[in-house]
């Protein structure tokens, strides 16, 4: 039987929410093994001079504990 753990991760990107999500998973994979899924809990964006300058995501990342 597998034991899974869920952690909360925050990430940002100047490109898109999808890119912020990919960056979070890529960075987390450097220290976590067996990542199973990612759930985007919240999305937000920073705005300056009527333009979006940063896309932000708050994710729940699930991985298997060995």
PDB file of N, CA and C in Angstrom:
ATOM      1  N   UNK A   1       0.834  -1.173   0.000  1.00  0.00           N
ATOM      2  CA  UNK A   1       0.000   0.000   0.000  1.00  0.00           C
ATOM      3  C   UNK A   1       0.887   1.248   0.000  1.00  0.00           C
ATOM      4  N   UNK A   2       0.555   2.179  -0.855  1.00  0.00           N
ATOM      5  CA  UNK A   2       1.329   3.417  -0.955  1.00  0.00           C
ATOM      6  C   UNK A   2       0.845   4.431   0.066  1.00  0.00           C
ATOM      7  N   UNK A   3       1.788   5.192   0.601  1.00  0.00           N
ATOM      8  CA  UNK A   3       1.464   6.299   1.489  1.00  0.00           C
ATOM      9  C   UNK A   3       1.789   7.585   0.737  1.00  0.00           C
ATOM     10  N   UNK A   4       0.804   8.475   0.667  1.00  0.00           N
ATOM     11  CA  UNK A   4       0.966   9.719  -0.080  1.00  0.00           C
ATOM     12  C   UNK A   4       0.957  10.908   0.863  1.00  0.00           C
ATOM     13  N   UNK A   5       1.686  11.934   0.484  1.00  0.00           N
ATOM     14  CA  UNK A   5       1.727  13.177   1.252  1.00  0.00           C
ATOM     15  C   UNK A   5       1.349  14.324   0.332  1.00  0.00           C
ATOM     16  N   UNK A   6       0.663  15.310   0.881  1.00  0.00           N
ATOM     17  CA  UNK A   6       0.256  16.490   0.115  1.00  0.00           C
ATOM     18  C   UNK A   6       0.921  17.714   0.747  1.00  0.00           C
ATOM     19  N   UNK A   7       1.555  18.530  -0.094  1.00  0.00           N
ATOM     20  CA  UNK A   7       2.152  19.778   0.368  1.00  0.00           C
ATOM     21  C   UNK A   7       1.593  20.931  -0.466  1.00  0.00           C
ATOM     22  N   UNK A   8       1.691  22.115   0.086  1.00  0.00           N
ATOM     23  CA  UNK A   8       1.239  23.310  -0.623  1.00  0.00           C
ATOM     24  C   UNK A   8       2.453  24.020  -1.203  1.00  0.00           C
ATOM     25  N   UNK A   9       2.348  24.435  -2.453  1.00  0.00           N
ATOM     26  CA  UNK A   9       3.454  25.084  -3.157  1.00  0.00           C
ATOM     27  C   UNK A   9       2.928  26.344  -3.838  1.00  0.00           C
ATOM     28  N   UNK A  10       3.704  27.406  -3.774  1.00  0.00           N
ATOM     29  CA  UNK A  10       3.372  28.660  -4.456  1.00  0.00           C
ATOM     30  C   UNK A  10       4.381  28.888  -5.578  1.00  0.00           C
ATOM     31  N   UNK A  11       3.908  29.399  -6.700  1.00  0.00           N
ATOM     32  CA  UNK A  11       4.806  29.640  -7.830  1.00  0.00           C
ATOM     33  C   UNK A  11       4.282  30.827  -8.637  1.00  0.00           C
ATOM     34  N   UNK A  12       5.168  31.410  -9.439  1.00  0.00           N
ATOM     35  CA  UNK A  12       4.761  32.529 -10.291  1.00  0.00           C
ATOM     36  C   UNK A  12       5.496  32.484 -11.621  1.00  0.00           C
ATOM     37  N   UNK A  13       4.927  33.196 -12.585  1.00  0.00           N
ATOM     38  CA  UNK A  13       5.509  33.266 -13.921  1.00  0.00           C
ATOM     39  C   UNK A  13       5.072  34.564 -14.576  1.00  0.00           C
ATOM     40  N   UNK A  14       5.906  35.083 -15.431  1.00  0.00           N
ATOM     41  CA  UNK A  14       5.521  36.270 -16.196  1.00  0.00           C
ATOM     42  C   UNK A  14       4.801  35.882 -17.490  1.00  0.00           C
ATOM     43  N   UNK A  15       4.712  34.567 -17.758  1.00  0.00           N
ATOM     44  CA  UNK A  15       4.136  34.072 -19.016  1.00  0.00           C
ATOM     45  C   UNK A  15       2.673  33.655 -18.869  1.00  0.00           C
ATOM     46  N   UNK A  16       2.390  32.722 -17.924  1.00  0.00           N
ATOM     47  CA  UNK A  16       1.025  32.194 -17.791  1.00  0.00           C
ATOM     48  C   UNK A  16       0.878  31.390 -16.499  1.00  0.00           C
ATOM     49  N   UNK A  17      -0.377  31.056 -16.161  1.00  0.00           N
ATOM     50  CA  UNK A  17      -0.621  30.197 -15.008  1.00  0.00           C
ATOM     51  C   UNK A  17      -0.091  28.792 -15.277  1.00  0.00           C
ATOM     52  N   UNK A  18      -0.216  28.344 -16.512  1.00  0.00           N
ATOM     53  CA  UNK A  18       0.306  27.021 -16.884  1.00  0.00           C
ATOM     54  C   UNK A  18       1.818  26.969 -16.691  1.00  0.00           C
ATOM     55  N   UNK A  19       2.498  28.012 -17.101  1.00  0.00           N
ATOM     56  CA  UNK A  19       3.951  28.061 -16.927  1.00  0.00           C
ATOM     57  C   UNK A  19       4.326  28.090 -15.442  1.00  0.00           C
ATOM     58  N   UNK A  20       3.578  28.812 -14.641  1.00  0.00           N
ATOM     59  CA  UNK A  20       3.840  28.846 -13.199  1.00  0.00           C
ATOM     60  C   UNK A  20       3.667  27.449 -12.596  1.00  0.00           C
ATOM     61  N   UNK A  21       2.653  26.715 -13.057  1.00  0.00           N
ATOM     62  CA  UNK A  21       2.417  25.349 -12.575  1.00  0.00           C
ATOM     63  C   UNK A  21       3.568  24.438 -12.975  1.00  0.00           C
ATOM     64  N   UNK A  22       3.997  24.517 -14.220  1.00  0.00           N
ATOM     65  CA  UNK A  22       5.125  23.697 -14.686  1.00  0.00           C
ATOM     66  C   UNK A  22       6.392  24.002 -13.902  1.00  0.00           C
ATOM     67  N   UNK A  23       6.644  25.275 -13.637  1.00  0.00           N
ATOM     68  CA  UNK A  23       7.831  25.661 -12.867  1.00  0.00           C
ATOM     69  C   UNK A  23       7.783  25.077 -11.459  1.00  0.00           C
ATOM     70  N   UNK A  24       6.607  25.093 -10.843  1.00  0.00           N
ATOM     71  CA  UNK A  24       6.462  24.543  -9.495  1.00  0.00           C
ATOM     72  C   UNK A  24       6.772  23.050  -9.468  1.00  0.00           C
ATOM     73  N   UNK A  25       6.248  22.315 -10.421  1.00  0.00           N
ATOM     74  CA  UNK A  25       6.485  20.870 -10.473  1.00  0.00           C
ATOM     75  C   UNK A  25       7.953  20.583 -10.777  1.00  0.00           C
ATOM     76  N   UNK A  26       8.540  21.295 -11.700  1.00  0.00           N
ATOM     77  CA  UNK A  26       9.946  21.098 -12.050  1.00  0.00           C
ATOM     78  C   UNK A  26      10.855  21.365 -10.858  1.00  0.00           C
ATOM     79  N   UNK A  27      10.586  22.446 -10.145  1.00  0.00           N
ATOM     80  CA  UNK A  27      11.413  22.790  -8.985  1.00  0.00           C
ATOM     81  C   UNK A  27      11.208  21.782  -7.853  1.00  0.00           C
ATOM     82  N   UNK A  28       9.967  21.392  -7.595  1.00  0.00           N
ATOM     83  CA  UNK A  28       9.679  20.431  -6.525  1.00  0.00           C
ATOM     84  C   UNK A  28      10.320  19.078  -6.815  1.00  0.00           C
ATOM     85  N   UNK A  29      10.376  18.705  -8.083  1.00  0.00           N
ATOM     86  CA  UNK A  29      10.952  17.409  -8.475  1.00  0.00           C
ATOM     87  C   UNK A  29      12.444  17.326  -8.181  1.00  0.00           C
ATOM     88  N   UNK A  30      13.089  18.454  -7.949  1.00  0.00           N
ATOM     89  CA  UNK A  30      14.511  18.443  -7.609  1.00  0.00           C
ATOM     90  C   UNK A  30      14.754  17.876  -6.218  1.00  0.00           C
ATOM     91  N   UNK A  31      13.746  17.965  -5.347  1.00  0.00           N
ATOM     92  CA  UNK A  31      13.926  17.445  -3.986  1.00  0.00           C
ATOM     93  C   UNK A  31      12.891  16.388  -3.592  1.00  0.00           C
ATOM     94  N   UNK A  32      11.873  16.184  -4.410  1.00  0.00           N
ATOM     95  CA  UNK A  32      10.855  15.176  -4.118  1.00  0.00           C
ATOM     96  C   UNK A  32      10.858  14.094  -5.186  1.00  0.00           C
ATOM     97  N   UNK A  33      10.624  12.860  -4.759  1.00  0.00           N
ATOM     98  CA  UNK A  33      10.501  11.753  -5.708  1.00  0.00           C
ATOM     99  C   UNK A  33       9.039  11.333  -5.785  1.00  0.00           C
ATOM    100  N   UNK A  34       8.696  10.679  -6.858  1.00  0.00           N
ATOM    101  CA  UNK A  34       7.383  10.054  -7.023  1.00  0.00           C
ATOM    102  C   UNK A  34       6.217  11.035  -6.931  1.00  0.00           C
ATOM    103  N   UNK A  35       6.336  12.178  -7.596  1.00  0.00           N
ATOM    104  CA  UNK A  35       5.219  13.123  -7.637  1.00  0.00           C
ATOM    105  C   UNK A  35       4.106  12.471  -8.444  1.00  0.00           C
ATOM    106  N   UNK A  36       2.912  12.443  -7.855  1.00  0.00           N
ATOM    107  CA  UNK A  36       1.771  11.772  -8.480  1.00  0.00           C
ATOM    108  C   UNK A  36       0.798  12.737  -9.157  1.00  0.00           C
ATOM    109  N   UNK A  37       0.554  13.878  -8.521  1.00  0.00           N
ATOM    110  CA  UNK A  37      -0.430  14.796  -9.095  1.00  0.00           C
ATOM    111  C   UNK A  37      -0.228  16.205  -8.559  1.00  0.00           C
ATOM    112  N   UNK A  38      -0.856  17.133  -9.257  1.00  0.00           N
ATOM    113  CA  UNK A  38      -0.847  18.524  -8.822  1.00  0.00           C
ATOM    114  C   UNK A  38      -2.267  19.061  -9.003  1.00  0.00           C
ATOM    115  N   UNK A  39      -2.743  19.780  -7.994  1.00  0.00           N
ATOM    116  CA  UNK A  39      -4.071  20.374  -8.009  1.00  0.00           C
ATOM    117  C   UNK A  39      -3.902  21.879  -7.843  1.00  0.00           C
ATOM    118  N   UNK A  40      -4.336  22.635  -8.838  1.00  0.00           N
ATOM    119  CA  UNK A  40      -4.234  24.089  -8.757  1.00  0.00           C
ATOM    120  C   UNK A  40      -5.398  24.581  -7.900  1.00  0.00           C
ATOM    121  N   UNK A  41      -5.061  25.058  -6.720  1.00  0.00           N
ATOM    122  CA  UNK A  41      -6.070  25.484  -5.756  1.00  0.00           C
ATOM    123  C   UNK A  41      -6.538  26.912  -6.027  1.00  0.00           C
ATOM    124  N   UNK A  42      -5.597  27.813  -6.273  1.00  0.00           N
ATOM    125  CA  UNK A  42      -5.920  29.224  -6.512  1.00  0.00           C
ATOM    126  C   UNK A  42      -5.048  29.783  -7.622  1.00  0.00           C
ATOM    127  N   UNK A  43      -5.607  30.763  -8.326  1.00  0.00           N
ATOM    128  CA  UNK A  43      -4.861  31.499  -9.331  1.00  0.00           C
ATOM    129  C   UNK A  43      -5.062  32.988  -9.058  1.00  0.00           C
ATOM    130  N   UNK A  44      -4.010  33.759  -9.273  1.00  0.00           N
ATOM    131  CA  UNK A  44      -4.119  35.210  -9.155  1.00  0.00           C
ATOM    132  C   UNK A  44      -3.104  35.846 -10.080  1.00  0.00           C
ATOM    133  N   UNK A  45      -3.198  37.143 -10.215  1.00  0.00           N
ATOM    134  CA  UNK A  45      -2.262  37.851 -11.094  1.00  0.00           C
ATOM    135  C   UNK A  45      -1.971  39.232 -10.522  1.00  0.00           C
ATOM    136  N   UNK A  46      -0.762  39.707 -10.780  1.00  0.00           N
ATOM    137  CA  UNK A  46      -0.381  41.074 -10.421  1.00  0.00           C
ATOM    138  C   UNK A  46      -0.574  41.960 -11.639  1.00  0.00           C
ATOM    139  N   UNK A  47      -1.048  43.153 -11.403  1.00  0.00           N
ATOM    140  CA  UNK A  47      -1.312  44.086 -12.496  1.00  0.00           C
ATOM    141  C   UNK A  47      -0.570  45.396 -12.241  1.00  0.00           C
ATOM    142  N   UNK A  48       0.067  45.912 -13.297  1.00  0.00           N
ATOM    143  CA  UNK A  48       0.739  47.207 -13.223  1.00  0.00           C
ATOM    144  C   UNK A  48       0.452  47.954 -14.527  1.00  0.00           C
ATOM    145  N   UNK A  49       0.034  49.174 -14.414  1.00  0.00           N
ATOM    146  CA  UNK A  49      -0.304  50.001 -15.585  1.00  0.00           C
ATOM    147  C   UNK A  49      -1.279  49.288 -16.514  1.00  0.00           C
ATOM    148  N   UNK A  50      -2.304  48.675 -15.917  1.00  0.00           N
ATOM    149  CA  UNK A  50      -3.366  47.979 -16.656  1.00  0.00           C
ATOM    150  C   UNK A  50      -2.888  46.760 -17.449  1.00  0.00           C
ATOM    151  N   UNK A  51      -1.741  46.220 -17.090  1.00  0.00           N
ATOM    152  CA  UNK A  51      -1.201  45.028 -17.751  1.00  0.00           C
ATOM    153  C   UNK A  51      -0.857  43.980 -16.698  1.00  0.00           C
ATOM    154  N   UNK A  52      -1.099  42.715 -17.011  1.00  0.00           N
ATOM    155  CA  UNK A  52      -0.708  41.636 -16.100  1.00  0.00           C
ATOM    156  C   UNK A  52       0.806  41.487 -16.162  1.00  0.00           C
ATOM    157  N   UNK A  53       1.431  41.550 -14.999  1.00  0.00           N
ATOM    158  CA  UNK A  53       2.888  41.443 -14.931  1.00  0.00           C
ATOM    159  C   UNK A  53       3.351  40.101 -14.368  1.00  0.00           C
ATOM    160  N   UNK A  54       2.465  39.424 -13.631  1.00  0.00           N
ATOM    161  CA  UNK A  54       2.869  38.152 -13.025  1.00  0.00           C
ATOM    162  C   UNK A  54       1.640  37.285 -12.780  1.00  0.00           C
ATOM    163  N   UNK A  55       1.740  36.020 -13.179  1.00  0.00           N
ATOM    164  CA  UNK A  55       0.703  35.031 -12.925  1.00  0.00           C
ATOM    165  C   UNK A  55       1.141  34.201 -11.723  1.00  0.00           C
ATOM    166  N   UNK A  56       0.227  33.977 -10.770  1.00  0.00           N
ATOM    167  CA  UNK A  56       0.573  33.248  -9.550  1.00  0.00           C
ATOM    168  C   UNK A  56      -0.369  32.066  -9.362  1.00  0.00           C
ATOM    169  N   UNK A  57       0.177  30.960  -8.881  1.00  0.00           N
ATOM    170  CA  UNK A  57      -0.636  29.780  -8.561  1.00  0.00           C
ATOM    171  C   UNK A  57      -0.308  29.278  -7.162  1.00  0.00           C
ATOM    172  N   UNK A  58      -1.314  28.753  -6.527  1.00  0.00           N
ATOM    173  CA  UNK A  58      -1.185  28.083  -5.238  1.00  0.00           C
ATOM    174  C   UNK A  58      -1.627  26.654  -5.503  1.00  0.00           C
ATOM    175  N   UNK A  59      -0.704  25.690  -5.364  1.00  0.00           N
ATOM    176  CA  UNK A  59      -1.015  24.310  -5.709  1.00  0.00           C
ATOM    177  C   UNK A  59      -0.886  23.367  -4.543  1.00  0.00           C
ATOM    178  N   UNK A  60      -1.579  22.240  -4.685  1.00  0.00           N
ATOM    179  CA  UNK A  60      -1.410  21.106  -3.779  1.00  0.00           C
ATOM    180  C   UNK A  60      -0.690  20.037  -4.594  1.00  0.00           C
ATOM    181  N   UNK A  61       0.447  19.615  -4.111  1.00  0.00           N
ATOM    182  CA  UNK A  61       1.282  18.650  -4.813  1.00  0.00           C
ATOM    183  C   UNK A  61       1.264  17.344  -4.023  1.00  0.00           C
ATOM    184  N   UNK A  62       0.939  16.243  -4.676  1.00  0.00           N
ATOM    185  CA  UNK A  62       0.862  14.940  -4.018  1.00  0.00           C
ATOM    186  C   UNK A  62       2.020  14.070  -4.477  1.00  0.00           C
ATOM    187  N   UNK A  63       2.711  13.438  -3.500  1.00  0.00           N
ATOM    188  CA  UNK A  63       3.799  12.542  -3.844  1.00  0.00           C
ATOM    189  C   UNK A  63       3.789  11.346  -2.919  1.00  0.00           C
ATOM    190  N   UNK A  64       4.402  10.267  -3.395  1.00  0.00           N
ATOM    191  CA  UNK A  64       4.451   9.018  -2.619  1.00  0.00           C
ATOM    192  C   UNK A  64       5.663   9.015  -1.696  1.00  0.00           C
ATOM    193  N   UNK A  65       5.427   8.620  -0.458  1.00  0.00           N
ATOM    194  CA  UNK A  65       6.513   8.501   0.513  1.00  0.00           C
ATOM    195  C   UNK A  65       7.083   7.091   0.409  1.00  0.00           C
ATOM    196  N   UNK A  66       8.391   7.007   0.314  1.00  0.00           N
ATOM    197  CA  UNK A  66       9.032   5.690   0.198  1.00  0.00           C
ATOM    198  C   UNK A  66       9.214   5.033   1.552  1.00  0.00           C
TER     199      UNK A  66
END
